[in-house]
Amino acid sequence: MTNRLYRGLEVYPLVYPHRATAPGSGHNYDEGFDAAVRIQEPESSGETPRSRVFRVEATRPFQSAGDARRASTAYAEHLIDTCAEDTHVLDLAL
């Protein structure tokens, strides 16, 4: 899993098939992908960093894993950028 540092927070795109894989079957990528993003405070010595997962709301599945990954990164940036000064993105009520 690759991460990116954005405004002091770690951003982890999470991409997964839209339809879960049935037991005994191969992956089903034909129906597209869904996305979420984990935003985490950087690890500091001795403390467990806080993190939270936000689901990317989309009207239909993303056609490719790359599209889903880009959407999750853009969503994280949007959440961080639009968070009020007196609120931390990890405390948002969505």
PDB file of N, CA and C in Angstrom:
ATOM      1  N   MET A   1       0.855  -1.165   0.000  1.00  0.00           N
ATOM      2  CA  MET A   1       0.000   0.000   0.000  1.00  0.00           C
ATOM      3  C   MET A   1       0.904   1.232   0.000  1.00  0.00           C
ATOM      4  N   THR A   2       0.679   2.110  -0.949  1.00  0.00           N
ATOM      5  CA  THR A   2       1.477   3.323  -1.011  1.00  0.00           C
ATOM      6  C   THR A   2       0.739   4.454  -0.312  1.00  0.00           C
ATOM      7  N   ASN A   3       1.511   5.295   0.306  1.00  0.00           N
ATOM      8  CA  ASN A   3       0.912   6.439   0.985  1.00  0.00           C
ATOM      9  C   ASN A   3       1.529   7.724   0.460  1.00  0.00           C
ATOM     10  N   ARG A   4       0.895   8.791   0.819  1.00  0.00           N
ATOM     11  CA  ARG A   4       1.340  10.110   0.412  1.00  0.00           C
ATOM     12  C   ARG A   4       1.168  11.032   1.600  1.00  0.00           C
ATOM     13  N   LEU A   5       2.089  11.919   1.802  1.00  0.00           N
ATOM     14  CA  LEU A   5       1.985  12.912   2.870  1.00  0.00           C
ATOM     15  C   LEU A   5       1.345  14.166   2.285  1.00  0.00           C
ATOM     16  N   TYR A   6       0.244  14.607   2.896  1.00  0.00           N
ATOM     17  CA  TYR A   6      -0.453  15.800   2.423  1.00  0.00           C
ATOM     18  C   TYR A   6      -0.787  16.665   3.627  1.00  0.00           C
ATOM     19  N   ARG A   7      -0.230  17.859   3.658  1.00  0.00           N
ATOM     20  CA  ARG A   7      -0.435  18.811   4.757  1.00  0.00           C
ATOM     21  C   ARG A   7      -0.220  18.164   6.124  1.00  0.00           C
ATOM     22  N   GLY A   8       0.808  17.368   6.229  1.00  0.00           N
ATOM     23  CA  GLY A   8       1.180  16.767   7.497  1.00  0.00           C
ATOM     24  C   GLY A   8       0.418  15.503   7.862  1.00  0.00           C
ATOM     25  N   LEU A   9      -0.437  15.007   6.978  1.00  0.00           N
ATOM     26  CA  LEU A   9      -1.190  13.779   7.242  1.00  0.00           C
ATOM     27  C   LEU A   9      -0.862  12.742   6.179  1.00  0.00           C
ATOM     28  N   GLU A  10      -0.838  11.475   6.592  1.00  0.00           N
ATOM     29  CA  GLU A  10      -0.602  10.396   5.642  1.00  0.00           C
ATOM     30  C   GLU A  10      -1.927  10.018   4.980  1.00  0.00           C
ATOM     31  N   VAL A  11      -1.902   9.860   3.665  1.00  0.00           N
ATOM     32  CA  VAL A  11      -3.093   9.524   2.883  1.00  0.00           C
ATOM     33  C   VAL A  11      -2.851   8.176   2.210  1.00  0.00           C
ATOM     34  N   TYR A  12      -3.723   7.203   2.489  1.00  0.00           N
ATOM     35  CA  TYR A  12      -3.631   5.866   1.925  1.00  0.00           C
ATOM     36  C   TYR A  12      -4.868   5.586   1.071  1.00  0.00           C
ATOM     37  N   PRO A  13      -4.745   5.560  -0.259  1.00  0.00           N
ATOM     38  CA  PRO A  13      -5.885   5.199  -1.096  1.00  0.00           C
ATOM     39  C   PRO A  13      -6.224   3.720  -0.899  1.00  0.00           C
ATOM     40  N   LEU A  14      -7.503   3.406  -0.803  1.00  0.00           N
ATOM     41  CA  LEU A  14      -7.968   2.030  -0.646  1.00  0.00           C
ATOM     42  C   LEU A  14      -8.894   1.718  -1.819  1.00  0.00           C
ATOM     43  N   VAL A  15      -8.535   0.738  -2.614  1.00  0.00           N
ATOM     44  CA  VAL A  15      -9.295   0.381  -3.808  1.00  0.00           C
ATOM     45  C   VAL A  15      -9.653  -1.091  -3.724  1.00  0.00           C
ATOM     46  N   TYR A  16     -10.900  -1.408  -4.054  1.00  0.00           N
ATOM     47  CA  TYR A  16     -11.360  -2.796  -3.966  1.00  0.00           C
ATOM     48  C   TYR A  16     -12.430  -3.044  -5.023  1.00  0.00           C
ATOM     49  N   PRO A  17     -12.583  -4.313  -5.451  1.00  0.00           N
ATOM     50  CA  PRO A  17     -13.586  -4.627  -6.475  1.00  0.00           C
ATOM     51  C   PRO A  17     -14.987  -4.255  -6.001  1.00  0.00           C
ATOM     52  N   HIS A  18     -15.808  -3.760  -6.917  1.00  0.00           N
ATOM     53  CA  HIS A  18     -17.178  -3.363  -6.588  1.00  0.00           C
ATOM     54  C   HIS A  18     -17.992  -4.563  -6.086  1.00  0.00           C
ATOM     55  N   ARG A  19     -17.821  -5.700  -6.708  1.00  0.00           N
ATOM     56  CA  ARG A  19     -18.527  -6.909  -6.292  1.00  0.00           C
ATOM     57  C   ARG A  19     -17.534  -7.813  -5.583  1.00  0.00           C
ATOM     58  N   ALA A  20     -17.891  -8.274  -4.392  1.00  0.00           N
ATOM     59  CA  ALA A  20     -17.006  -9.153  -3.616  1.00  0.00           C
ATOM     60  C   ALA A  20     -16.758 -10.450  -4.374  1.00  0.00           C
ATOM     61  N   THR A  21     -15.594 -11.009  -4.163  1.00  0.00           N
ATOM     62  CA  THR A  21     -15.239 -12.268  -4.793  1.00  0.00           C
ATOM     63  C   THR A  21     -15.990 -13.408  -4.112  1.00  0.00           C
ATOM     64  N   ALA A  22     -16.655 -14.218  -4.904  1.00  0.00           N
ATOM     65  CA  ALA A  22     -17.381 -15.372  -4.368  1.00  0.00           C
ATOM     66  C   ALA A  22     -16.383 -16.449  -3.970  1.00  0.00           C
ATOM     67  N   PRO A  23     -16.688 -17.203  -2.919  1.00  0.00           N
ATOM     68  CA  PRO A  23     -15.784 -18.283  -2.512  1.00  0.00           C
ATOM     69  C   PRO A  23     -15.530 -19.250  -3.675  1.00  0.00           C
ATOM     70  N   GLY A  24     -14.283 -19.572  -3.882  1.00  0.00           N
ATOM     71  CA  GLY A  24     -13.908 -20.498  -4.941  1.00  0.00           C
ATOM     72  C   GLY A  24     -13.821 -19.872  -6.320  1.00  0.00           C
ATOM     73  N   SER A  25     -14.018 -18.559  -6.427  1.00  0.00           N
ATOM     74  CA  SER A  25     -13.962 -17.868  -7.719  1.00  0.00           C
ATOM     75  C   SER A  25     -12.765 -16.929  -7.754  1.00  0.00           C
ATOM     76  N   GLY A  26     -12.425 -16.535  -8.964  1.00  0.00           N
ATOM     77  CA  GLY A  26     -11.362 -15.547  -9.132  1.00  0.00           C
ATOM     78  C   GLY A  26     -11.891 -14.150  -8.877  1.00  0.00           C
ATOM     79  N   HIS A  27     -11.011 -13.182  -8.913  1.00  0.00           N
ATOM     80  CA  HIS A  27     -11.415 -11.786  -8.718  1.00  0.00           C
ATOM     81  C   HIS A  27     -12.367 -11.348  -9.824  1.00  0.00           C
ATOM     82  N   ASN A  28     -13.305 -10.495  -9.475  1.00  0.00           N
ATOM     83  CA  ASN A  28     -14.261  -9.970 -10.440  1.00  0.00           C
ATOM     84  C   ASN A  28     -13.987  -8.481 -10.630  1.00  0.00           C
ATOM     85  N   TYR A  29     -13.167  -8.171 -11.625  1.00  0.00           N
ATOM     86  CA  TYR A  29     -12.832  -6.776 -11.886  1.00  0.00           C
ATOM     87  C   TYR A  29     -13.708  -6.169 -12.980  1.00  0.00           C
ATOM     88  N   ASP A  30     -14.515  -6.988 -13.646  1.00  0.00           N
ATOM     89  CA  ASP A  30     -15.334  -6.505 -14.759  1.00  0.00           C
ATOM     90  C   ASP A  30     -16.400  -5.512 -14.319  1.00  0.00           C
ATOM     91  N   GLU A  31     -16.835  -5.585 -13.077  1.00  0.00           N
ATOM     92  CA  GLU A  31     -17.893  -4.689 -12.594  1.00  0.00           C
ATOM     93  C   GLU A  31     -17.352  -3.401 -11.993  1.00  0.00           C
ATOM     94  N   GLY A  32     -16.056  -3.186 -12.094  1.00  0.00           N
ATOM     95  CA  GLY A  32     -15.457  -1.942 -11.641  1.00  0.00           C
ATOM     96  C   GLY A  32     -14.948  -1.993 -10.213  1.00  0.00           C
ATOM     97  N   PHE A  33     -14.622  -0.816  -9.699  1.00  0.00           N
ATOM     98  CA  PHE A  33     -13.973  -0.694  -8.403  1.00  0.00           C
ATOM     99  C   PHE A  33     -14.651   0.369  -7.544  1.00  0.00           C
ATOM    100  N   ASP A  34     -14.592   0.175  -6.249  1.00  0.00           N
ATOM    101  CA  ASP A  34     -15.016   1.167  -5.275  1.00  0.00           C
ATOM    102  C   ASP A  34     -13.758   1.692  -4.591  1.00  0.00           C
ATOM    103  N   ALA A  35     -13.900   2.817  -3.892  1.00  0.00           N
ATOM    104  CA  ALA A  35     -12.727   3.438  -3.287  1.00  0.00           C
ATOM    105  C   ALA A  35     -13.055   4.015  -1.918  1.00  0.00           C
ATOM    106  N   ALA A  36     -12.027   4.054  -1.097  1.00  0.00           N
ATOM    107  CA  ALA A  36     -12.063   4.705   0.204  1.00  0.00           C
ATOM    108  C   ALA A  36     -10.666   5.283   0.410  1.00  0.00           C
ATOM    109  N   VAL A  37     -10.501   6.018   1.499  1.00  0.00           N
ATOM    110  CA  VAL A  37      -9.186   6.566   1.794  1.00  0.00           C
ATOM    111  C   VAL A  37      -8.986   6.547   3.310  1.00  0.00           C
ATOM    112  N   ARG A  38      -7.796   6.151   3.715  1.00  0.00           N
ATOM    113  CA  ARG A  38      -7.453   6.217   5.137  1.00  0.00           C
ATOM    114  C   ARG A  38      -6.551   7.423   5.323  1.00  0.00           C
ATOM    115  N   ILE A  39      -6.948   8.289   6.250  1.00  0.00           N
ATOM    116  CA  ILE A  39      -6.149   9.464   6.601  1.00  0.00           C
ATOM    117  C   ILE A  39      -5.605   9.216   7.998  1.00  0.00           C
ATOM    118  N   GLN A  40      -4.310   9.374   8.145  1.00  0.00           N
ATOM    119  CA  GLN A  40      -3.649   9.018   9.405  1.00  0.00           C
ATOM    120  C   GLN A  40      -2.641  10.082   9.802  1.00  0.00           C
ATOM    121  N   GLU A  41      -2.565  10.306  11.109  1.00  0.00           N
ATOM    122  CA  GLU A  41      -1.503  11.164  11.626  1.00  0.00           C
ATOM    123  C   GLU A  41      -0.184  10.413  11.476  1.00  0.00           C
ATOM    124  N   PRO A  42       0.894  11.118  11.205  1.00  0.00           N
ATOM    125  CA  PRO A  42       2.196  10.442  11.110  1.00  0.00           C
ATOM    126  C   PRO A  42       2.567   9.799  12.441  1.00  0.00           C
ATOM    127  N   GLU A  43       3.292   8.702  12.361  1.00  0.00           N
ATOM    128  CA  GLU A  43       3.730   8.026  13.580  1.00  0.00           C
ATOM    129  C   GLU A  43       4.751   8.893  14.295  1.00  0.00           C
ATOM    130  N   SER A  44       4.554   9.035  15.592  1.00  0.00           N
ATOM    131  CA  SER A  44       5.542   9.730  16.408  1.00  0.00           C
ATOM    132  C   SER A  44       6.032   8.744  17.453  1.00  0.00           C
ATOM    133  N   SER A  45       7.165   8.983  18.001  1.00  0.00           N
ATOM    134  CA  SER A  45       7.777   8.029  18.922  1.00  0.00           C
ATOM    135  C   SER A  45       6.877   7.741  20.120  1.00  0.00           C
ATOM    136  N   GLY A  46       6.542   6.485  20.291  1.00  0.00           N
ATOM    137  CA  GLY A  46       5.805   6.052  21.470  1.00  0.00           C
ATOM    138  C   GLY A  46       4.299   6.233  21.426  1.00  0.00           C
ATOM    139  N   GLU A  47       3.768   6.955  20.461  1.00  0.00           N
ATOM    140  CA  GLU A  47       2.328   7.183  20.407  1.00  0.00           C
ATOM    141  C   GLU A  47       1.714   6.456  19.215  1.00  0.00           C
ATOM    142  N   THR A  48       0.510   5.934  19.418  1.00  0.00           N
ATOM    143  CA  THR A  48      -0.227   5.318  18.325  1.00  0.00           C
ATOM    144  C   THR A  48      -0.937   6.414  17.549  1.00  0.00           C
ATOM    145  N   PRO A  49      -0.686   6.503  16.245  1.00  0.00           N
ATOM    146  CA  PRO A  49      -1.320   7.571  15.468  1.00  0.00           C
ATOM    147  C   PRO A  49      -2.817   7.314  15.282  1.00  0.00           C
ATOM    148  N   ARG A  50      -3.585   8.392  15.283  1.00  0.00           N
ATOM    149  CA  ARG A  50      -5.010   8.278  14.999  1.00  0.00           C
ATOM    150  C   ARG A  50      -5.189   8.154  13.496  1.00  0.00           C
ATOM    151  N   SER A  51      -6.217   7.396  13.092  1.00  0.00           N
ATOM    152  CA  SER A  51      -6.530   7.302  11.679  1.00  0.00           C
ATOM    153  C   SER A  51      -8.027   7.101  11.517  1.00  0.00           C
ATOM    154  N   ARG A  52      -8.487   7.337  10.299  1.00  0.00           N
ATOM    155  CA  ARG A  52      -9.904   7.169  10.008  1.00  0.00           C
ATOM    156  C   ARG A  52     -10.060   6.862   8.529  1.00  0.00           C
ATOM    157  N   VAL A  53     -11.041   6.015   8.216  1.00  0.00           N
ATOM    158  CA  VAL A  53     -11.320   5.656   6.831  1.00  0.00           C
ATOM    159  C   VAL A  53     -12.583   6.383   6.382  1.00  0.00           C
ATOM    160  N   PHE A  54     -12.499   6.995   5.196  1.00  0.00           N
ATOM    161  CA  PHE A  54     -13.627   7.694   4.590  1.00  0.00           C
ATOM    162  C   PHE A  54     -13.938   7.007   3.258  1.00  0.00           C
ATOM    163  N   ARG A  55     -15.193   6.641   3.054  1.00  0.00           N
ATOM    164  CA  ARG A  55     -15.607   6.015   1.803  1.00  0.00           C
ATOM    165  C   ARG A  55     -15.860   7.096   0.763  1.00  0.00           C
ATOM    166  N   VAL A  56     -15.375   6.866  -0.443  1.00  0.00           N
ATOM    167  CA  VAL A  56     -15.609   7.789  -1.549  1.00  0.00           C
ATOM    168  C   VAL A  56     -16.988   7.464  -2.122  1.00  0.00           C
ATOM    169  N   GLU A  57     -17.892   8.420  -2.020  1.00  0.00           N
ATOM    170  CA  GLU A  57     -19.244   8.232  -2.547  1.00  0.00           C
ATOM    171  C   GLU A  57     -19.216   8.457  -4.054  1.00  0.00           C
ATOM    172  N   ALA A  58     -19.705   7.486  -4.796  1.00  0.00           N
ATOM    173  CA  ALA A  58     -19.767   7.598  -6.254  1.00  0.00           C
ATOM    174  C   ALA A  58     -21.100   7.034  -6.721  1.00  0.00           C
ATOM    175  N   THR A  59     -21.613   7.582  -7.802  1.00  0.00           N
ATOM    176  CA  THR A  59     -22.902   7.124  -8.314  1.00  0.00           C
ATOM    177  C   THR A  59     -22.792   5.767  -9.014  1.00  0.00           C
ATOM    178  N   ARG A  60     -21.592   5.438  -9.464  1.00  0.00           N
ATOM    179  CA  ARG A  60     -21.364   4.132 -10.089  1.00  0.00           C
ATOM    180  C   ARG A  60     -19.916   3.732  -9.838  1.00  0.00           C
ATOM    181  N   PRO A  61     -19.601   2.459 -10.006  1.00  0.00           N
ATOM    182  CA  PRO A  61     -18.222   2.021  -9.764  1.00  0.00           C
ATOM    183  C   PRO A  61     -17.235   2.691 -10.723  1.00  0.00           C
ATOM    184  N   PHE A  62     -16.006   2.818 -10.282  1.00  0.00           N
ATOM    185  CA  PHE A  62     -14.943   3.348 -11.128  1.00  0.00           C
ATOM    186  C   PHE A  62     -14.547   2.270 -12.132  1.00  0.00           C
ATOM    187  N   GLN A  63     -14.211   2.668 -13.360  1.00  0.00           N
ATOM    188  CA  GLN A  63     -13.902   1.696 -14.412  1.00  0.00           C
ATOM    189  C   GLN A  63     -12.565   1.009 -14.201  1.00  0.00           C
ATOM    190  N   SER A  64     -11.616   1.697 -13.586  1.00  0.00           N
ATOM    191  CA  SER A  64     -10.295   1.101 -13.386  1.00  0.00           C
ATOM    192  C   SER A  64      -9.807   1.372 -11.966  1.00  0.00           C
ATOM    193  N   ALA A  65      -8.847   0.572 -11.541  1.00  0.00           N
ATOM    194  CA  ALA A  65      -8.249   0.761 -10.221  1.00  0.00           C
ATOM    195  C   ALA A  65      -7.532   2.106 -10.148  1.00  0.00           C
ATOM    196  N   GLY A  66      -6.941   2.541 -11.252  1.00  0.00           N
ATOM    197  CA  GLY A  66      -6.257   3.830 -11.292  1.00  0.00           C
ATOM    198  C   GLY A  66      -7.220   4.985 -11.080  1.00  0.00           C
ATOM    199  N   ASP A  67      -8.400   4.910 -11.717  1.00  0.00           N
ATOM    200  CA  ASP A  67      -9.417   5.949 -11.521  1.00  0.00           C
ATOM    201  C   ASP A  67      -9.857   6.000 -10.063  1.00  0.00           C
ATOM    202  N   ALA A  68     -10.060   4.836  -9.451  1.00  0.00           N
ATOM    203  CA  ALA A  68     -10.488   4.766  -8.053  1.00  0.00           C
ATOM    204  C   ALA A  68      -9.410   5.324  -7.126  1.00  0.00           C
ATOM    205  N   ARG A  69      -8.150   5.016  -7.416  1.00  0.00           N
ATOM    206  CA  ARG A  69      -7.036   5.506  -6.595  1.00  0.00           C
ATOM    207  C   ARG A  69      -6.929   7.027  -6.684  1.00  0.00           C
ATOM    208  N   ARG A  70      -7.048   7.570  -7.884  1.00  0.00           N
ATOM    209  CA  ARG A  70      -6.992   9.026  -8.043  1.00  0.00           C
ATOM    210  C   ARG A  70      -8.161   9.703  -7.337  1.00  0.00           C
ATOM    211  N   ALA A  71      -9.344   9.111  -7.419  1.00  0.00           N
ATOM    212  CA  ALA A  71     -10.524   9.684  -6.757  1.00  0.00           C
ATOM    213  C   ALA A  71     -10.357   9.668  -5.240  1.00  0.00           C
ATOM    214  N   SER A  72      -9.778   8.605  -4.695  1.00  0.00           N
ATOM    215  CA  SER A  72      -9.607   8.546  -3.242  1.00  0.00           C
ATOM    216  C   SER A  72      -8.590   9.569  -2.759  1.00  0.00           C
ATOM    217  N   THR A  73      -7.525   9.772  -3.523  1.00  0.00           N
ATOM    218  CA  THR A  73      -6.528  10.779  -3.159  1.00  0.00           C
ATOM    219  C   THR A  73      -7.133  12.178  -3.244  1.00  0.00           C
ATOM    220  N   ALA A  74      -7.880  12.450  -4.312  1.00  0.00           N
ATOM    221  CA  ALA A  74      -8.520  13.760  -4.460  1.00  0.00           C
ATOM    222  C   ALA A  74      -9.537  13.998  -3.343  1.00  0.00           C
ATOM    223  N   TYR A  75     -10.266  12.960  -2.943  1.00  0.00           N
ATOM    224  CA  TYR A  75     -11.246  13.100  -1.869  1.00  0.00           C
ATOM    225  C   TYR A  75     -10.558  13.433  -0.550  1.00  0.00           C
ATOM    226  N   ALA A  76      -9.441  12.779  -0.263  1.00  0.00           N
ATOM    227  CA  ALA A  76      -8.686  13.074   0.956  1.00  0.00           C
ATOM    228  C   ALA A  76      -8.220  14.524   0.959  1.00  0.00           C
ATOM    229  N   GLU A  77      -7.690  14.981  -0.157  1.00  0.00           N
ATOM    230  CA  GLU A  77      -7.236  16.366  -0.243  1.00  0.00           C
ATOM    231  C   GLU A  77      -8.396  17.329  -0.036  1.00  0.00           C
ATOM    232  N   HIS A  78      -9.543  17.020  -0.617  1.00  0.00           N
ATOM    233  CA  HIS A  78     -10.735  17.855  -0.447  1.00  0.00           C
ATOM    234  C   HIS A  78     -11.150  17.917   1.029  1.00  0.00           C
ATOM    235  N   LEU A  79     -11.193  16.760   1.701  1.00  0.00           N
ATOM    236  CA  LEU A  79     -11.570  16.739   3.116  1.00  0.00           C
ATOM    237  C   LEU A  79     -10.613  17.564   3.964  1.00  0.00           C
ATOM    238  N   ILE A  80      -9.327  17.409   3.703  1.00  0.00           N
ATOM    239  CA  ILE A  80      -8.313  18.131   4.481  1.00  0.00           C
ATOM    240  C   ILE A  80      -8.387  19.631   4.194  1.00  0.00           C
ATOM    241  N   ASP A  81      -8.525  19.991   2.929  1.00  0.00           N
ATOM    242  CA  ASP A  81      -8.542  21.409   2.540  1.00  0.00           C
ATOM    243  C   ASP A  81      -9.780  22.152   3.020  1.00  0.00           C
ATOM    244  N   THR A  82     -10.924  21.479   3.092  1.00  0.00           N
ATOM    245  CA  THR A  82     -12.175  22.156   3.445  1.00  0.00           C
ATOM    246  C   THR A  82     -12.534  22.021   4.918  1.00  0.00           C
ATOM    247  N   CYS A  83     -11.696  21.396   5.693  1.00  0.00           N
ATOM    248  CA  CYS A  83     -11.955  21.249   7.125  1.00  0.00           C
ATOM    249  C   CYS A  83     -11.796  22.611   7.810  1.00  0.00           C
ATOM    250  N   ALA A  84     -12.743  22.947   8.661  1.00  0.00           N
ATOM    251  CA  ALA A  84     -12.695  24.231   9.377  1.00  0.00           C
ATOM    252  C   ALA A  84     -11.437  24.306  10.241  1.00  0.00           C
ATOM    253  N   GLU A  85     -10.961  25.510  10.470  1.00  0.00           N
ATOM    254  CA  GLU A  85      -9.723  25.702  11.235  1.00  0.00           C
ATOM    255  C   GLU A  85      -9.792  25.116  12.643  1.00  0.00           C
ATOM    256  N   ASP A  86     -10.954  25.173  13.258  1.00  0.00           N
ATOM    257  CA  ASP A  86     -11.086  24.703  14.633  1.00  0.00           C
ATOM    258  C   ASP A  86     -11.452  23.213  14.719  1.00  0.00           C
ATOM    259  N   THR A  87     -11.449  22.517  13.585  1.00  0.00           N
ATOM    260  CA  THR A  87     -11.803  21.102  13.546  1.00  0.00           C
ATOM    261  C   THR A  87     -10.676  20.324  12.883  1.00  0.00           C
ATOM    262  N   HIS A  88     -10.431  19.119  13.350  1.00  0.00           N
ATOM    263  CA  HIS A  88      -9.436  18.245  12.743  1.00  0.00           C
ATOM    264  C   HIS A  88     -10.174  17.281  11.809  1.00  0.00           C
ATOM    265  N   VAL A  89      -9.584  16.981  10.666  1.00  0.00           N
ATOM    266  CA  VAL A  89     -10.242  16.115   9.680  1.00  0.00           C
ATOM    267  C   VAL A  89     -10.601  14.746  10.286  1.00  0.00           C
ATOM    268  N   LEU A  90      -9.833  14.278  11.244  1.00  0.00           N
ATOM    269  CA  LEU A  90     -10.112  12.974  11.845  1.00  0.00           C
ATOM    270  C   LEU A  90     -11.307  13.027  12.803  1.00  0.00           C
ATOM    271  N   ASP A  91     -11.782  14.235  13.108  1.00  0.00           N
ATOM    272  CA  ASP A  91     -12.936  14.393  13.984  1.00  0.00           C
ATOM    273  C   ASP A  91     -14.209  14.751  13.230  1.00  0.00           C
ATOM    274  N   LEU A  92     -14.154  14.777  11.905  1.00  0.00           N
ATOM    275  CA  LEU A  92     -15.322  15.142  11.102  1.00  0.00           C
ATOM    276  C   LEU A  92     -16.470  14.154  11.296  1.00  0.00           C
ATOM    277  N   ALA A  93     -17.667  14.661  11.316  1.00  0.00           N
ATOM    278  CA  ALA A  93     -18.860  13.802  11.358  1.00  0.00           C
ATOM    279  C   ALA A  93     -19.476  13.817   9.962  1.00  0.00           C
ATOM    280  N   LEU A  94     -19.311  12.725   9.257  1.00  0.00           N
ATOM    281  CA  LEU A  94     -19.858  12.638   7.885  1.00  0.00           C
ATOM    282  C   LEU A  94     -21.016  11.691   7.845  1.00  0.00           C
TER     283      LEU A  94
END
